[in-house]
Protein backbone atom coordinates (compact mmCIF):
# COMPACT_ATOMS: atom_id res chain seq x y z
CA PRO A 1 -81.99 -19.51 -36.01
CA ASP A 2 -84.52 -19.10 -38.82
CA GLY A 3 -84.11 -22.54 -40.40
CA THR A 4 -81.93 -21.45 -43.26
CA GLU A 5 -79.55 -24.24 -44.35
CA VAL A 6 -75.78 -23.29 -45.03
CA THR A 7 -73.23 -25.69 -46.57
CA MET A 8 -69.78 -24.44 -46.02
CA ASN A 9 -66.78 -25.14 -48.19
CA ALA A 10 -63.19 -25.84 -46.58
CA ASN A 11 -61.28 -22.93 -45.18
CA SER A 12 -64.52 -20.77 -45.01
CA ARG A 13 -65.83 -18.60 -42.20
CA LEU A 14 -69.61 -17.75 -41.45
CA ARG A 15 -70.63 -14.91 -38.73
CA TYR A 16 -74.06 -14.12 -37.77
CA SER A 17 -75.99 -12.62 -34.88
CA TYR A 18 -77.95 -15.04 -32.62
CA ASN A 19 -80.73 -12.52 -31.85
CA TRP A 20 -82.71 -12.60 -35.20
CA LYS A 21 -86.32 -11.54 -35.02
CA ASP A 22 -88.93 -11.92 -37.67
CA GLY A 23 -89.61 -8.78 -39.42
CA GLN A 24 -85.97 -7.57 -39.06
CA ASP A 25 -83.15 -8.25 -41.45
CA ARG A 26 -81.26 -11.41 -40.94
CA GLU A 27 -77.47 -10.72 -41.65
CA VAL A 28 -74.54 -13.07 -42.19
CA TRP A 29 -70.86 -12.45 -43.16
CA VAL A 30 -68.99 -14.88 -45.37
CA GLU A 31 -65.28 -15.26 -45.94
CA GLY A 32 -64.63 -18.22 -48.17
CA GLU A 33 -67.56 -20.15 -49.92
CA ALA A 34 -70.97 -21.33 -48.81
CA PHE A 35 -74.12 -22.40 -50.36
CA PHE A 36 -77.52 -21.02 -48.95
CA HIS A 37 -80.92 -22.29 -48.84
CA VAL A 38 -82.57 -19.45 -47.33
CA ARG A 39 -86.09 -20.08 -45.61
CA LYS A 40 -88.86 -17.52 -45.78
CA THR A 41 -90.12 -16.06 -42.58
CA PRO A 42 -93.87 -15.33 -41.93
CA LEU A 43 -93.06 -11.42 -42.26
CA LYS A 44 -90.70 -11.93 -45.09
CA SER A 45 -87.72 -10.78 -43.31
CA ARG A 46 -84.83 -9.93 -45.63
CA PHE A 47 -81.65 -12.20 -45.59
CA ILE A 48 -78.38 -10.27 -46.41
CA VAL A 49 -75.08 -11.91 -47.00
CA HIS A 50 -72.04 -9.56 -46.75
CA THR A 51 -68.88 -10.46 -48.64
CA GLU A 52 -65.78 -8.24 -49.02
CA HIS A 53 -66.92 -6.49 -52.30
CA PHE A 54 -70.82 -6.67 -52.13
CA ASP A 55 -73.95 -7.50 -50.26
CA ILE A 56 -76.51 -9.94 -51.40
CA THR A 57 -80.27 -9.51 -50.36
CA VAL A 58 -82.72 -12.21 -50.75
CA THR A 59 -86.16 -13.28 -49.28
CA GLY A 60 -86.04 -17.01 -49.96
CA THR A 61 -83.86 -18.68 -52.56
CA GLN A 62 -80.77 -20.99 -53.11
CA PHE A 63 -77.44 -19.61 -54.21
CA ASN A 64 -73.77 -20.22 -53.75
CA VAL A 65 -71.38 -17.32 -52.82
CA SER A 66 -67.64 -17.41 -52.99
CA ASN A 67 -65.40 -14.74 -51.52
CA ARG A 68 -61.85 -15.88 -52.07
CA HIS A 69 -58.44 -14.24 -52.89
CA GLY A 70 -60.03 -10.78 -53.56
CA LYS A 71 -62.76 -12.05 -55.89
CA ASP A 72 -66.47 -12.62 -55.08
CA ASN A 73 -68.87 -14.58 -57.10
CA VAL A 74 -72.57 -15.57 -56.90
CA LEU A 75 -74.09 -18.60 -58.43
CA LEU A 76 -77.98 -18.50 -58.45
CA GLN A 77 -79.69 -21.80 -58.34
CA GLU A 78 -83.37 -20.84 -57.59
CA GLY A 79 -85.20 -17.50 -57.04
CA SER A 80 -83.66 -14.16 -57.25
CA VAL A 81 -81.10 -12.07 -55.40
CA THR A 82 -80.04 -8.25 -55.54
CA LEU A 83 -76.40 -7.33 -55.43
CA ARG A 84 -75.15 -4.12 -54.04
CA LYS A 85 -71.59 -3.16 -54.69
CA LYS A 86 -69.82 -1.67 -51.76
CA MET A 87 -68.36 1.80 -52.21
CA ALA A 88 -64.73 2.28 -51.98
CA GLY A 89 -63.43 3.92 -48.86
CA PRO A 90 -62.00 7.54 -48.75
């Protein structure tokens, strides 16, 4: 809804909410592999990609994320990202 471009690889799934509002976090969930070209918003809303093992937070950049067979990878093409490893459950 914000103009971000996502290119999905085969056997991949992307979930997101349709009610994004500028100034609020934009969140997506990826299973498989996807390349993101994230658009900046006027209020610089954070863009967060959730995978099985970590969350990727960006404000405007290009990167590839792969979440396959229990392994996650991020390849940054432009800009910067912050990775936050998910804590193990009880």
